Amino acid sequence: MEKEIKYRYAVPTDALRLSILFQTVYITTYGFDGVSTEYANFVSQRFAPQYLQNIIINEPHCIIVATCNQNLVGAAQIDFNRPCPIGNITQPELSKLYVLDAFFGKGIGYNLMAEVEKTVLSKGHTHLWLEVWDENPPGIAFYQRQQYKAIGTVLFPMEENTYTNIVMIKELN
């Protein structure tokens, strides 16, 4: 029997579960050499429950979660205030689109993206941009299927290493 997936905006009490979801997906996506010190530092700071709770409180419509039996299985985060690093683009960024591996292939990423785009449009914006790691072919292909177009690359520096991200954008309608 197929489990029902529901979508809603995150609430402050989701922060701990979001922290675990974000950390899990980040490490499984990018930690192909294991959990390095720089990855551990990054995820423990960027995905700290209190940090996420503050984001949810200050920007109530910036994180959309996918739930199955009231458990978080995916989430997307919109950054309405981060300028695109390429061009003179002042539109929102899709800063995260994370789905647990066990829920791949169920349309969750697609539906989260649709909810994000609907939210962005409702706030009067016409475009959405994102960065995707250039060594993440499944992610790149997913965004291309959603009609996102590459407009260049940027560097993503961490403590010891620097990674190349592809910047993609879509005109919303």
Protein backbone atom coordinates (compact mmCIF):
# COMPACT_ATOMS: atom_id res chain seq x y z
CA MET A 1 0.00 0.00 0.00
CA GLU A 2 1.36 3.41 -1.05
CA LYS A 3 1.88 5.77 1.87
CA GLU A 4 0.36 9.24 1.62
CA ILE A 5 2.83 12.11 1.44
CA LYS A 6 1.68 15.51 2.70
CA TYR A 7 3.30 18.91 2.24
CA ARG A 8 3.26 21.89 4.60
CA TYR A 9 5.36 24.77 5.86
CA ALA A 10 7.80 23.88 8.62
CA VAL A 11 6.97 24.91 12.18
CA PRO A 12 9.47 25.54 15.00
CA THR A 13 8.90 22.10 16.53
CA ASP A 14 10.21 20.55 13.27
CA ALA A 15 13.70 21.96 13.85
CA LEU A 16 15.29 18.88 15.47
CA ARG A 17 13.88 16.51 12.84
CA LEU A 18 14.87 18.90 10.05
CA SER A 19 18.38 18.99 11.48
CA ILE A 20 18.67 15.21 11.30
CA LEU A 21 17.10 15.03 7.84
CA PHE A 22 19.40 17.74 6.44
CA GLN A 23 22.50 16.15 8.00
CA THR A 24 21.59 12.68 6.74
CA VAL A 25 20.93 13.75 3.17
CA TYR A 26 23.96 16.05 3.07
CA ILE A 27 26.38 13.35 4.17
CA THR A 28 24.87 10.66 1.91
CA THR A 29 25.03 13.05 -1.04
CA TYR A 30 28.41 14.67 -0.50
CA GLY A 31 30.27 12.44 1.95
CA PHE A 32 31.42 9.86 -0.60
CA ASP A 33 34.78 9.74 1.22
CA GLY A 34 33.12 9.51 4.63
CA VAL A 35 32.52 12.20 7.22
CA SER A 36 35.47 14.55 7.11
CA THR A 37 36.14 17.14 9.79
CA GLU A 38 35.10 19.97 7.47
CA TYR A 39 31.80 18.20 6.65
CA ALA A 40 31.17 17.53 10.34
CA ASN A 41 31.81 21.19 11.17
CA PHE A 42 29.65 22.36 8.29
CA VAL A 43 26.61 20.20 9.03
CA SER A 44 26.77 20.68 12.80
CA GLN A 45 26.67 24.48 12.33
CA ARG A 46 24.49 24.91 9.23
CA PHE A 47 21.94 22.32 10.32
CA ALA A 48 21.89 22.98 14.07
CA PRO A 49 18.34 22.72 15.47
CA GLN A 50 18.42 26.18 17.06
CA TYR A 51 19.70 27.73 13.82
CA LEU A 52 16.89 26.07 11.84
CA GLN A 53 14.30 26.99 14.45
CA ASN A 54 15.32 30.65 14.19
CA ILE A 55 14.96 30.52 10.39
CA ILE A 56 11.47 29.02 10.69
CA ILE A 57 10.40 31.64 13.26
CA ASN A 58 11.82 34.58 11.30
CA GLU A 59 10.72 33.39 7.84
CA PRO A 60 7.67 31.14 8.29
CA HIS A 61 7.25 30.31 4.58
CA CYS A 62 10.85 29.50 3.70
CA ILE A 63 10.96 25.78 4.54
CA ILE A 64 8.46 23.32 3.12
CA VAL A 65 8.43 19.78 4.47
CA ALA A 66 7.16 16.50 3.07
CA THR A 67 5.73 14.13 5.65
CA CYS A 68 4.73 10.49 5.68
CA ASN A 69 2.71 9.41 8.72
CA GLN A 70 3.66 12.81 10.21
CA ASN A 71 7.39 11.96 9.91
CA LEU A 72 9.68 14.20 7.85
CA VAL A 73 10.89 12.53 4.65
CA GLY A 74 11.96 15.57 2.64
CA ALA A 75 12.28 19.33 2.78
CA ALA A 76 13.00 22.33 0.62
CA GLN A 77 14.31 25.70 1.75
CA ILE A 78 13.91 29.02 -0.02
CA ASP A 79 16.27 31.92 0.63
CA PHE A 80 14.41 35.08 -0.36
CA ASN A 81 17.36 37.36 0.46
CA ARG A 82 20.42 35.80 -1.17
CA PRO A 83 21.45 37.42 -4.45
CA CYS A 84 22.46 35.12 -7.27
CA PRO A 85 26.26 35.02 -7.64
CA ILE A 86 25.95 35.27 -11.43
CA GLY A 87 24.43 38.24 -13.21
CA ASN A 88 22.28 40.89 -11.62
CA ILE A 89 19.58 38.49 -10.42
CA THR A 90 17.70 39.45 -7.26
CA GLN A 91 15.25 36.55 -7.21
CA PRO A 92 14.89 33.87 -4.49
CA GLU A 93 17.21 30.88 -4.24
CA LEU A 94 16.21 27.28 -3.71
CA SER A 95 18.91 26.67 -1.12
CA LYS A 96 17.98 23.07 -0.28
CA LEU A 97 15.91 20.27 -1.76
CA TYR A 98 16.56 17.16 0.30
CA VAL A 99 14.70 13.84 0.23
CA LEU A 100 15.68 10.75 2.23
CA ASP A 101 17.02 7.96 0.01
CA ALA A 102 14.25 5.56 1.10
CA PHE A 103 11.70 7.96 -0.44
CA PHE A 104 13.39 8.51 -3.83
CA GLY A 105 11.29 7.87 -6.90
CA LYS A 106 7.97 8.71 -5.24
CA GLY A 107 7.58 12.23 -6.69
CA ILE A 108 8.51 13.94 -3.43
CA GLY A 109 11.27 16.08 -4.93
CA TYR A 110 9.01 17.06 -7.81
CA ASN A 111 6.15 17.97 -5.46
CA LEU A 112 8.43 19.89 -3.10
CA MET A 113 9.73 21.84 -6.10
CA ALA A 114 6.15 22.60 -7.18
CA GLU A 115 5.32 23.87 -3.67
CA VAL A 116 8.46 26.03 -3.64
CA GLU A 117 7.66 27.52 -7.04
CA LYS A 118 4.06 28.22 -5.96
CA THR A 119 5.33 29.97 -2.80
CA VAL A 120 7.86 32.04 -4.76
CA LEU A 121 5.20 33.10 -7.28
CA SER A 122 2.75 33.99 -4.50
CA LYS A 123 5.31 36.44 -3.13
CA GLY A 124 5.54 38.22 -6.49
CA HIS A 125 8.80 36.74 -7.80
CA THR A 126 9.23 35.56 -11.39
CA HIS A 127 12.36 33.39 -11.22
CA LEU A 128 13.99 30.84 -8.95
CA TRP A 129 17.69 29.99 -8.98
CA LEU A 130 19.78 27.31 -7.31
CA GLU A 131 23.25 25.85 -7.05
CA VAL A 132 23.94 22.16 -7.58
CA TRP A 133 27.29 20.44 -7.12
CA ASP A 134 28.85 19.71 -10.50
CA GLU A 135 29.61 16.13 -9.39
CA ASN A 136 25.96 15.37 -8.61
CA PRO A 137 24.62 14.04 -11.95
CA PRO A 138 21.28 12.87 -10.49
CA GLY A 139 20.67 16.33 -9.01
CA ILE A 140 21.62 18.11 -12.22
CA ALA A 141 19.36 15.81 -14.27
CA PHE A 142 16.48 16.34 -11.84
CA TYR A 143 16.68 20.12 -12.15
CA GLN A 144 17.01 19.91 -15.93
CA ARG A 145 13.80 17.82 -16.02
CA GLN A 146 12.15 20.66 -14.07
CA GLN A 147 13.23 23.12 -16.82
CA TYR A 148 16.12 24.75 -14.92
CA LYS A 149 18.88 26.04 -17.18
CA ALA A 150 22.57 26.32 -16.30
CA ILE A 151 23.89 29.89 -16.40
CA GLY A 152 27.42 29.36 -15.07
CA THR A 153 29.49 28.00 -12.21
CA VAL A 154 30.61 29.29 -8.82
CA LEU A 155 33.03 28.02 -6.21
CA PHE A 156 31.80 26.76 -2.84
CA PRO A 157 34.67 27.04 -0.34
CA MET A 158 34.70 25.00 2.83
CA GLU A 159 37.49 24.81 5.41
CA GLU A 160 40.07 22.92 3.37
CA ASN A 161 38.43 22.19 0.02
CA THR A 162 36.60 24.17 -2.62
CA TYR A 163 33.85 22.65 -4.73
CA THR A 164 32.32 23.78 -8.02
CA ASN A 165 28.59 24.35 -8.19
CA ILE A 166 26.49 24.88 -11.29
CA VAL A 167 24.10 27.82 -11.03
CA MET A 168 20.72 27.11 -12.63
CA ILE A 169 17.65 29.29 -13.05
CA LYS A 170 14.05 28.97 -14.15
CA GLU A 171 11.47 31.52 -15.17
CA LEU A 172 8.28 30.71 -13.29
CA ASN A 173 4.81 31.00 -14.74
